Amino acid sequence: MSTTKADLVNKVYETNPDLTKAIAKDAVETLLDIIKSNLEMGEDILLSGFGKFSVKQKAARKGRNPQTGDEAVIEARKVVTFKPSGKLRERLNQL
């Protein structure tokens, strides 16, 4: 099951009773906007205890359509990568 943006807003709202749902939504939206804009500028996002988001450049390469077997060129592009922190990795492996 995936967690949606609405789920995140509800968690923020439930965690802090001083916030209204509108303020919780604005907080989540603002955080996501900051993350997006920094990644667009090529800056890494490091969240201590959680992980690091970064933009990597992938070179063009040959690929294959798995349905038809036809070869195609996959163009160079940028991708967002995530590397979890050691603390997060440990917590995940305890489950």
PDB file of N, CA and C in Angstrom:
ATOM      1  N   MET A   1       0.838  -1.182   0.000  1.00  0.00           N
ATOM      2  CA  MET A   1       0.000   0.000   0.000  1.00  0.00           C
ATOM      3  C   MET A   1       0.882   1.244   0.000  1.00  0.00           C
ATOM      4  N   SER A   2       0.517   2.216  -0.765  1.00  0.00           N
ATOM      5  CA  SER A   2       1.272   3.457  -0.873  1.00  0.00           C
ATOM      6  C   SER A   2       0.698   4.516   0.057  1.00  0.00           C
ATOM      7  N   THR A   3       1.563   5.401   0.487  1.00  0.00           N
ATOM      8  CA  THR A   3       1.134   6.551   1.258  1.00  0.00           C
ATOM      9  C   THR A   3       1.007   7.729   0.301  1.00  0.00           C
ATOM     10  N   THR A   4      -0.127   8.393   0.327  1.00  0.00           N
ATOM     11  CA  THR A   4      -0.373   9.523  -0.565  1.00  0.00           C
ATOM     12  C   THR A   4      -0.067  10.836   0.151  1.00  0.00           C
ATOM     13  N   LYS A   5      -0.086  11.910  -0.620  1.00  0.00           N
ATOM     14  CA  LYS A   5       0.117  13.231  -0.043  1.00  0.00           C
ATOM     15  C   LYS A   5      -0.976  13.537   0.985  1.00  0.00           C
ATOM     16  N   ALA A   6      -2.195  13.126   0.685  1.00  0.00           N
ATOM     17  CA  ALA A   6      -3.309  13.330   1.626  1.00  0.00           C
ATOM     18  C   ALA A   6      -3.050  12.564   2.931  1.00  0.00           C
ATOM     19  N   ASP A   7      -2.475  11.367   2.828  1.00  0.00           N
ATOM     20  CA  ASP A   7      -2.130  10.595   4.029  1.00  0.00           C
ATOM     21  C   ASP A   7      -1.094  11.344   4.867  1.00  0.00           C
ATOM     22  N   LEU A   8      -0.113  11.938   4.199  1.00  0.00           N
ATOM     23  CA  LEU A   8       0.908  12.702   4.919  1.00  0.00           C
ATOM     24  C   LEU A   8       0.286  13.906   5.631  1.00  0.00           C
ATOM     25  N   VAL A   9      -0.611  14.594   4.936  1.00  0.00           N
ATOM     26  CA  VAL A   9      -1.294  15.744   5.547  1.00  0.00           C
ATOM     27  C   VAL A   9      -2.054  15.296   6.786  1.00  0.00           C
ATOM     28  N   ASN A  10      -2.765  14.185   6.692  1.00  0.00           N
ATOM     29  CA  ASN A  10      -3.529  13.680   7.843  1.00  0.00           C
ATOM     30  C   ASN A  10      -2.608  13.298   8.998  1.00  0.00           C
ATOM     31  N   LYS A  11      -1.461  12.691   8.710  1.00  0.00           N
ATOM     32  CA  LYS A  11      -0.514  12.313   9.770  1.00  0.00           C
ATOM     33  C   LYS A  11       0.022  13.556  10.470  1.00  0.00           C
ATOM     34  N   VAL A  12       0.375  14.593   9.701  1.00  0.00           N
ATOM     35  CA  VAL A  12       0.867  15.838  10.298  1.00  0.00           C
ATOM     36  C   VAL A  12      -0.228  16.460  11.152  1.00  0.00           C
ATOM     37  N   TYR A  13      -1.445  16.468  10.653  1.00  0.00           N
ATOM     38  CA  TYR A  13      -2.588  17.036  11.365  1.00  0.00           C
ATOM     39  C   TYR A  13      -2.853  16.268  12.667  1.00  0.00           C
ATOM     40  N   GLU A  14      -2.824  14.938  12.608  1.00  0.00           N
ATOM     41  CA  GLU A  14      -3.095  14.113  13.790  1.00  0.00           C
ATOM     42  C   GLU A  14      -1.969  14.195  14.819  1.00  0.00           C
ATOM     43  N   THR A  15      -0.737  14.375  14.350  1.00  0.00           N
ATOM     44  CA  THR A  15       0.420  14.405  15.243  1.00  0.00           C
ATOM     45  C   THR A  15       0.489  15.692  16.056  1.00  0.00           C
ATOM     46  N   ASN A  16       0.038  16.794  15.457  1.00  0.00           N
ATOM     47  CA  ASN A  16       0.123  18.086  16.139  1.00  0.00           C
ATOM     48  C   ASN A  16      -1.274  18.693  16.270  1.00  0.00           C
ATOM     49  N   PRO A  17      -1.887  18.592  17.448  1.00  0.00           N
ATOM     50  CA  PRO A  17      -3.257  19.089  17.617  1.00  0.00           C
ATOM     51  C   PRO A  17      -3.391  20.610  17.515  1.00  0.00           C
ATOM     52  N   ASP A  18      -2.270  21.339  17.548  1.00  0.00           N
ATOM     53  CA  ASP A  18      -2.325  22.803  17.440  1.00  0.00           C
ATOM     54  C   ASP A  18      -2.537  23.269  16.001  1.00  0.00           C
ATOM     55  N   LEU A  19      -2.348  22.382  15.035  1.00  0.00           N
ATOM     56  CA  LEU A  19      -2.465  22.750  13.627  1.00  0.00           C
ATOM     57  C   LEU A  19      -3.867  22.490  13.108  1.00  0.00           C
ATOM     58  N   THR A  20      -4.280  23.351  12.182  1.00  0.00           N
ATOM     59  CA  THR A  20      -5.508  23.064  11.448  1.00  0.00           C
ATOM     60  C   THR A  20      -5.130  22.178  10.264  1.00  0.00           C
ATOM     61  N   LYS A  21      -6.127  21.568   9.656  1.00  0.00           N
ATOM     62  CA  LYS A  21      -5.845  20.713   8.508  1.00  0.00           C
ATOM     63  C   LYS A  21      -5.272  21.540   7.347  1.00  0.00           C
ATOM     64  N   ALA A  22      -5.728  22.770   7.208  1.00  0.00           N
ATOM     65  CA  ALA A  22      -5.230  23.645   6.135  1.00  0.00           C
ATOM     66  C   ALA A  22      -3.753  23.973   6.353  1.00  0.00           C
ATOM     67  N   ILE A  23      -3.370  24.230   7.596  1.00  0.00           N
ATOM     68  CA  ILE A  23      -1.962  24.531   7.887  1.00  0.00           C
ATOM     69  C   ILE A  23      -1.113  23.290   7.665  1.00  0.00           C
ATOM     70  N   ALA A  24      -1.616  22.124   8.055  1.00  0.00           N
ATOM     71  CA  ALA A  24      -0.889  20.871   7.825  1.00  0.00           C
ATOM     72  C   ALA A  24      -0.682  20.644   6.328  1.00  0.00           C
ATOM     73  N   LYS A  25      -1.728  20.915   5.535  1.00  0.00           N
ATOM     74  CA  LYS A  25      -1.618  20.759   4.080  1.00  0.00           C
ATOM     75  C   LYS A  25      -0.576  21.722   3.525  1.00  0.00           C
ATOM     76  N   ASP A  26      -0.619  22.976   3.967  1.00  0.00           N
ATOM     77  CA  ASP A  26       0.358  23.965   3.509  1.00  0.00           C
ATOM     78  C   ASP A  26       1.782  23.559   3.875  1.00  0.00           C
ATOM     79  N   ALA A  27       1.964  23.002   5.069  1.00  0.00           N
ATOM     80  CA  ALA A  27       3.302  22.580   5.506  1.00  0.00           C
ATOM     81  C   ALA A  27       3.843  21.468   4.610  1.00  0.00           C
ATOM     82  N   VAL A  28       3.000  20.488   4.320  1.00  0.00           N
ATOM     83  CA  VAL A  28       3.429  19.372   3.455  1.00  0.00           C
ATOM     84  C   VAL A  28       3.713  19.884   2.047  1.00  0.00           C
ATOM     85  N   GLU A  29       2.820  20.716   1.517  1.00  0.00           N
ATOM     86  CA  GLU A  29       3.011  21.275   0.171  1.00  0.00           C
ATOM     87  C   GLU A  29       4.289  22.101   0.087  1.00  0.00           C
ATOM     88  N   THR A  30       4.549  22.912   1.108  1.00  0.00           N
ATOM     89  CA  THR A  30       5.750  23.755   1.121  1.00  0.00           C
ATOM     90  C   THR A  30       7.005  22.901   1.148  1.00  0.00           C
ATOM     91  N   LEU A  31       7.017  21.871   1.991  1.00  0.00           N
ATOM     92  CA  LEU A  31       8.176  20.979   2.055  1.00  0.00           C
ATOM     93  C   LEU A  31       8.427  20.322   0.703  1.00  0.00           C
ATOM     94  N   LEU A  32       7.392  19.810   0.073  1.00  0.00           N
ATOM     95  CA  LEU A  32       7.552  19.159  -1.229  1.00  0.00           C
ATOM     96  C   LEU A  32       8.014  20.151  -2.302  1.00  0.00           C
ATOM     97  N   ASP A  33       7.494  21.380  -2.253  1.00  0.00           N
ATOM     98  CA  ASP A  33       7.926  22.406  -3.218  1.00  0.00           C
ATOM     99  C   ASP A  33       9.406  22.743  -3.043  1.00  0.00           C
ATOM    100  N   ILE A  34       9.859  22.836  -1.796  1.00  0.00           N
ATOM    101  CA  ILE A  34      11.276  23.121  -1.532  1.00  0.00           C
ATOM    102  C   ILE A  34      12.146  21.983  -2.052  1.00  0.00           C
ATOM    103  N   ILE A  35      11.728  20.754  -1.792  1.00  0.00           N
ATOM    104  CA  ILE A  35      12.492  19.599  -2.267  1.00  0.00           C
ATOM    105  C   ILE A  35      12.558  19.605  -3.791  1.00  0.00           C
ATOM    106  N   LYS A  36      11.418  19.819  -4.447  1.00  0.00           N
ATOM    107  CA  LYS A  36      11.388  19.837  -5.915  1.00  0.00           C
ATOM    108  C   LYS A  36      12.276  20.932  -6.492  1.00  0.00           C
ATOM    109  N   SER A  37      12.175  22.137  -5.941  1.00  0.00           N
ATOM    110  CA  SER A  37      12.956  23.245  -6.500  1.00  0.00           C
ATOM    111  C   SER A  37      14.455  23.028  -6.298  1.00  0.00           C
ATOM    112  N   ASN A  38      14.853  22.485  -5.160  1.00  0.00           N
ATOM    113  CA  ASN A  38      16.275  22.223  -4.942  1.00  0.00           C
ATOM    114  C   ASN A  38      16.779  21.136  -5.885  1.00  0.00           C
ATOM    115  N   LEU A  39      15.998  20.102  -6.107  1.00  0.00           N
ATOM    116  CA  LEU A  39      16.405  19.052  -7.039  1.00  0.00           C
ATOM    117  C   LEU A  39      16.482  19.595  -8.466  1.00  0.00           C
ATOM    118  N   GLU A  40      15.553  20.470  -8.842  1.00  0.00           N
ATOM    119  CA  GLU A  40      15.589  21.082 -10.173  1.00  0.00           C
ATOM    120  C   GLU A  40      16.861  21.892 -10.373  1.00  0.00           C
ATOM    121  N   MET A  41      17.371  22.501  -9.293  1.00  0.00           N
ATOM    122  CA  MET A  41      18.613  23.284  -9.379  1.00  0.00           C
ATOM    123  C   MET A  41      19.853  22.387  -9.280  1.00  0.00           C
ATOM    124  N   GLY A  42      19.642  21.087  -9.128  1.00  0.00           N
ATOM    125  CA  GLY A  42      20.763  20.157  -9.054  1.00  0.00           C
ATOM    126  C   GLY A  42      21.338  19.996  -7.664  1.00  0.00           C
ATOM    127  N   GLU A  43      20.667  20.529  -6.655  1.00  0.00           N
ATOM    128  CA  GLU A  43      21.156  20.423  -5.283  1.00  0.00           C
ATOM    129  C   GLU A  43      20.639  19.139  -4.639  1.00  0.00           C
ATOM    130  N   ASP A  44      21.453  18.553  -3.788  1.00  0.00           N
ATOM    131  CA  ASP A  44      21.047  17.372  -3.041  1.00  0.00           C
ATOM    132  C   ASP A  44      20.187  17.782  -1.859  1.00  0.00           C
ATOM    133  N   ILE A  45      19.331  16.879  -1.420  1.00  0.00           N
ATOM    134  CA  ILE A  45      18.512  17.072  -0.225  1.00  0.00           C
ATOM    135  C   ILE A  45      18.946  16.028   0.787  1.00  0.00           C
ATOM    136  N   LEU A  46      19.495  16.462   1.900  1.00  0.00           N
ATOM    137  CA  LEU A  46      19.957  15.555   2.945  1.00  0.00           C
ATOM    138  C   LEU A  46      19.065  15.731   4.167  1.00  0.00           C
ATOM    139  N   LEU A  47      18.320  14.687   4.513  1.00  0.00           N
ATOM    140  CA  LEU A  47      17.448  14.694   5.679  1.00  0.00           C
ATOM    141  C   LEU A  47      18.051  13.748   6.703  1.00  0.00           C
ATOM    142  N   SER A  48      18.654  14.307   7.740  1.00  0.00           N
ATOM    143  CA  SER A  48      19.352  13.503   8.747  1.00  0.00           C
ATOM    144  C   SER A  48      18.420  12.450   9.327  1.00  0.00           C
ATOM    145  N   GLY A  49      18.917  11.246   9.422  1.00  0.00           N
ATOM    146  CA  GLY A  49      18.142  10.148   9.967  1.00  0.00           C
ATOM    147  C   GLY A  49      17.170   9.538   8.971  1.00  0.00           C
ATOM    148  N   PHE A  50      17.067  10.116   7.781  1.00  0.00           N
ATOM    149  CA  PHE A  50      16.145   9.599   6.763  1.00  0.00           C
ATOM    150  C   PHE A  50      16.902   9.173   5.514  1.00  0.00           C
ATOM    151  N   GLY A  51      17.602  10.123   4.865  1.00  0.00           N
ATOM    152  CA  GLY A  51      18.344   9.768   3.665  1.00  0.00           C
ATOM    153  C   GLY A  51      18.673  10.977   2.822  1.00  0.00           C
ATOM    154  N   LYS A  52      19.170  10.685   1.624  1.00  0.00           N
ATOM    155  CA  LYS A  52      19.630  11.735   0.724  1.00  0.00           C
ATOM    156  C   LYS A  52      19.015  11.548  -0.660  1.00  0.00           C
ATOM    157  N   PHE A  53      18.382  12.616  -1.168  1.00  0.00           N
ATOM    158  CA  PHE A  53      17.878  12.653  -2.525  1.00  0.00           C
ATOM    159  C   PHE A  53      18.910  13.401  -3.368  1.00  0.00           C
ATOM    160  N   SER A  54      19.223  12.876  -4.527  1.00  0.00           N
ATOM    161  CA  SER A  54      20.143  13.584  -5.411  1.00  0.00           C
ATOM    162  C   SER A  54      19.756  13.341  -6.865  1.00  0.00           C
ATOM    163  N   VAL A  55      20.236  14.225  -7.735  1.00  0.00           N
ATOM    164  CA  VAL A  55      19.973  14.126  -9.166  1.00  0.00           C
ATOM    165  C   VAL A  55      21.214  13.560  -9.830  1.00  0.00           C
ATOM    166  N   LYS A  56      21.027  12.526 -10.626  1.00  0.00           N
ATOM    167  CA  LYS A  56      22.131  11.901 -11.360  1.00  0.00           C
ATOM    168  C   LYS A  56      21.858  12.027 -12.851  1.00  0.00           C
ATOM    169  N   GLN A  57      22.932  12.182 -13.616  1.00  0.00           N
ATOM    170  CA  GLN A  57      22.827  12.238 -15.069  1.00  0.00           C
ATOM    171  C   GLN A  57      23.069  10.830 -15.615  1.00  0.00           C
ATOM    172  N   LYS A  58      22.136  10.334 -16.399  1.00  0.00           N
ATOM    173  CA  LYS A  58      22.299   9.027 -17.033  1.00  0.00           C
ATOM    174  C   LYS A  58      22.638   9.245 -18.494  1.00  0.00           C
ATOM    175  N   ALA A  59      23.611   8.512 -18.977  1.00  0.00           N
ATOM    176  CA  ALA A  59      24.040   8.632 -20.369  1.00  0.00           C
ATOM    177  C   ALA A  59      23.055   7.915 -21.290  1.00  0.00           C
ATOM    178  N   ALA A  60      23.077   8.279 -22.561  1.00  0.00           N
ATOM    179  CA  ALA A  60      22.268   7.582 -23.555  1.00  0.00           C
ATOM    180  C   ALA A  60      22.788   6.154 -23.674  1.00  0.00           C
ATOM    181  N   ARG A  61      21.870   5.239 -23.982  1.00  0.00           N
ATOM    182  CA  ARG A  61      22.288   3.837 -24.121  1.00  0.00           C
ATOM    183  C   ARG A  61      21.314   3.108 -25.028  1.00  0.00           C
ATOM    184  N   LYS A  62      21.754   1.939 -25.470  1.00  0.00           N
ATOM    185  CA  LYS A  62      20.883   1.093 -26.277  1.00  0.00           C
ATOM    186  C   LYS A  62      19.943   0.341 -25.359  1.00  0.00           C
ATOM    187  N   GLY A  63      18.715   0.218 -25.784  1.00  0.00           N
ATOM    188  CA  GLY A  63      17.726  -0.529 -25.027  1.00  0.00           C
ATOM    189  C   GLY A  63      16.941  -1.416 -25.959  1.00  0.00           C
ATOM    190  N   ARG A  64      16.007  -2.142 -25.372  1.00  0.00           N
ATOM    191  CA  ARG A  64      15.203  -3.061 -26.165  1.00  0.00           C
ATOM    192  C   ARG A  64      13.765  -3.015 -25.655  1.00  0.00           C
ATOM    193  N   ASN A  65      12.834  -2.976 -26.588  1.00  0.00           N
ATOM    194  CA  ASN A  65      11.420  -3.039 -26.230  1.00  0.00           C
ATOM    195  C   ASN A  65      11.125  -4.486 -25.829  1.00  0.00           C
ATOM    196  N   PRO A  66      10.731  -4.728 -24.576  1.00  0.00           N
ATOM    197  CA  PRO A  66      10.533  -6.107 -24.140  1.00  0.00           C
ATOM    198  C   PRO A  66       9.361  -6.813 -24.833  1.00  0.00           C
ATOM    199  N   GLN A  67       8.391  -6.062 -25.344  1.00  0.00           N
ATOM    200  CA  GLN A  67       7.254  -6.695 -26.012  1.00  0.00           C
ATOM    201  C   GLN A  67       7.583  -7.107 -27.437  1.00  0.00           C
ATOM    202  N   THR A  68       8.328  -6.251 -28.151  1.00  0.00           N
ATOM    203  CA  THR A  68       8.596  -6.531 -29.564  1.00  0.00           C
ATOM    204  C   THR A  68      10.017  -7.009 -29.813  1.00  0.00           C
ATOM    205  N   GLY A  69      10.920  -6.733 -28.898  1.00  0.00           N
ATOM    206  CA  GLY A  69      12.324  -7.091 -29.094  1.00  0.00           C
ATOM    207  C   GLY A  69      13.083  -6.085 -29.938  1.00  0.00           C
ATOM    208  N   ASP A  70      12.410  -5.026 -30.405  1.00  0.00           N
ATOM    209  CA  ASP A  70      13.063  -4.005 -31.229  1.00  0.00           C
ATOM    210  C   ASP A  70      14.058  -3.218 -30.385  1.00  0.00           C
ATOM    211  N   GLU A  71      15.224  -2.933 -30.998  1.00  0.00           N
ATOM    212  CA  GLU A  71      16.214  -2.106 -30.313  1.00  0.00           C
ATOM    213  C   GLU A  71      15.831  -0.649 -30.440  1.00  0.00           C
ATOM    214  N   ALA A  72      16.174   0.119 -29.413  1.00  0.00           N
ATOM    215  CA  ALA A  72      15.886   1.547 -29.413  1.00  0.00           C
ATOM    216  C   ALA A  72      16.987   2.249 -28.626  1.00  0.00           C
ATOM    217  N   VAL A  73      17.144   3.527 -28.880  1.00  0.00           N
ATOM    218  CA  VAL A  73      18.101   4.325 -28.130  1.00  0.00           C
ATOM    219  C   VAL A  73      17.356   5.036 -27.013  1.00  0.00           C
ATOM    220  N   ILE A  74      17.810   4.826 -25.793  1.00  0.00           N
ATOM    221  CA  ILE A  74      17.246   5.518 -24.648  1.00  0.00           C
ATOM    222  C   ILE A  74      18.092   6.771 -24.463  1.00  0.00           C
ATOM    223  N   GLU A  75      17.469   7.917 -24.573  1.00  0.00           N
ATOM    224  CA  GLU A  75      18.210   9.180 -24.545  1.00  0.00           C
ATOM    225  C   GLU A  75      18.767   9.493 -23.166  1.00  0.00           C
ATOM    226  N   ALA A  76      19.784  10.341 -23.131  1.00  0.00           N
ATOM    227  CA  ALA A  76      20.368  10.787 -21.871  1.00  0.00           C
ATOM    228  C   ALA A  76      19.297  11.540 -21.086  1.00  0.00           C
ATOM    229  N   ARG A  77      19.339  11.383 -19.769  1.00  0.00           N
ATOM    230  CA  ARG A  77      18.328  12.031 -18.943  1.00  0.00           C
ATOM    231  C   ARG A  77      18.822  12.161 -17.518  1.00  0.00           C
ATOM    232  N   LYS A  78      18.110  12.963 -16.758  1.00  0.00           N
ATOM    233  CA  LYS A  78      18.397  13.105 -15.342  1.00  0.00           C
ATOM    234  C   LYS A  78      17.383  12.279 -14.561  1.00  0.00           C
ATOM    235  N   VAL A  79      17.851  11.656 -13.475  1.00  0.00           N
ATOM    236  CA  VAL A  79      16.970  10.867 -12.620  1.00  0.00           C
ATOM    237  C   VAL A  79      17.225  11.254 -11.172  1.00  0.00           C
ATOM    238  N   VAL A  80      16.199  11.104 -10.350  1.00  0.00           N
ATOM    239  CA  VAL A  80      16.334  11.358  -8.914  1.00  0.00           C
ATOM    240  C   VAL A  80      16.627  10.022  -8.241  1.00  0.00           C
ATOM    241  N   THR A  81      17.660  10.008  -7.399  1.00  0.00           N
ATOM    242  CA  THR A  81      17.995   8.806  -6.654  1.00  0.00           C
ATOM    243  C   THR A  81      17.812   9.077  -5.163  1.00  0.00           C
ATOM    244  N   PHE A  82      17.610   8.018  -4.410  1.00  0.00           N
ATOM    245  CA  PHE A  82      17.468   8.127  -2.970  1.00  0.00           C
ATOM    246  C   PHE A  82      18.381   7.097  -2.320  1.00  0.00           C
ATOM    247  N   LYS A  83      19.160   7.563  -1.353  1.00  0.00           N
ATOM    248  CA  LYS A  83      20.009   6.669  -0.574  1.00  0.00           C
ATOM    249  C   LYS A  83      19.591   6.804   0.884  1.00  0.00           C
ATOM    250  N   PRO A  84      19.052   5.725   1.475  1.00  0.00           N
ATOM    251  CA  PRO A  84      18.601   5.824   2.867  1.00  0.00           C
ATOM    252  C   PRO A  84      19.768   5.994   3.827  1.00  0.00           C
ATOM    253  N   SER A  85      19.498   6.645   4.961  1.00  0.00           N
ATOM    254  CA  SER A  85      20.532   6.802   5.979  1.00  0.00           C
ATOM    255  C   SER A  85      20.765   5.460   6.659  1.00  0.00           C
ATOM    256  N   GLY A  86      21.855   5.357   7.368  1.00  0.00           N
ATOM    257  CA  GLY A  86      22.158   4.137   8.108  1.00  0.00           C
ATOM    258  C   GLY A  86      21.081   3.825   9.132  1.00  0.00           C
ATOM    259  N   LYS A  87      20.576   4.857   9.803  1.00  0.00           N
ATOM    260  CA  LYS A  87      19.530   4.662  10.814  1.00  0.00           C
ATOM    261  C   LYS A  87      18.260   4.093  10.183  1.00  0.00           C
ATOM    262  N   LEU A  88      17.854   4.648   9.045  1.00  0.00           N
ATOM    263  CA  LEU A  88      16.656   4.157   8.373  1.00  0.00           C
ATOM    264  C   LEU A  88      16.864   2.725   7.885  1.00  0.00           C
ATOM    265  N   ARG A  89      18.027   2.462   7.323  1.00  0.00           N
ATOM    266  CA  ARG A  89      18.337   1.107   6.836  1.00  0.00           C
ATOM    267  C   ARG A  89      18.252   0.091   7.974  1.00  0.00           C
ATOM    268  N   GLU A  90      18.798   0.458   9.139  1.00  0.00           N
ATOM    269  CA  GLU A  90      18.740  -0.428  10.304  1.00  0.00           C
ATOM    270  C   GLU A  90      17.299  -0.689  10.725  1.00  0.00           C
ATOM    271  N   ARG A  91      16.489   0.354  10.776  1.00  0.00           N
ATOM    272  CA  ARG A  91      15.078   0.195  11.169  1.00  0.00           C
ATOM    273  C   ARG A  91      14.329  -0.699  10.192  1.00  0.00           C
ATOM    274  N   LEU A  92      14.586  -0.524   8.903  1.00  0.00           N
ATOM    275  CA  LEU A  92      13.912  -1.345   7.892  1.00  0.00           C
ATOM    276  C   LEU A  92      14.313  -2.810   8.011  1.00  0.00           C
ATOM    277  N   ASN A  93      15.564  -3.058   8.339  1.00  0.00           N
ATOM    278  CA  ASN A  93      16.051  -4.435   8.413  1.00  0.00           C
ATOM    279  C   ASN A  93      15.652  -5.120   9.707  1.00  0.00           C
ATOM    280  N   GLN A  94      15.141  -4.380  10.679  1.00  0.00           N
ATOM    281  CA  GLN A  94      14.665  -4.977  11.924  1.00  0.00           C
ATOM    282  C   GLN A  94      13.283  -5.572  11.768  1.00  0.00           C
ATOM    283  N   LEU A  95      12.578  -5.160  10.736  1.00  0.00           N
ATOM    284  CA  LEU A  95      11.197  -5.636  10.536  1.00  0.00           C
ATOM    285  C   LEU A  95      11.160  -7.083  10.117  1.00  0.00           C
TER     286      LEU A  95
END
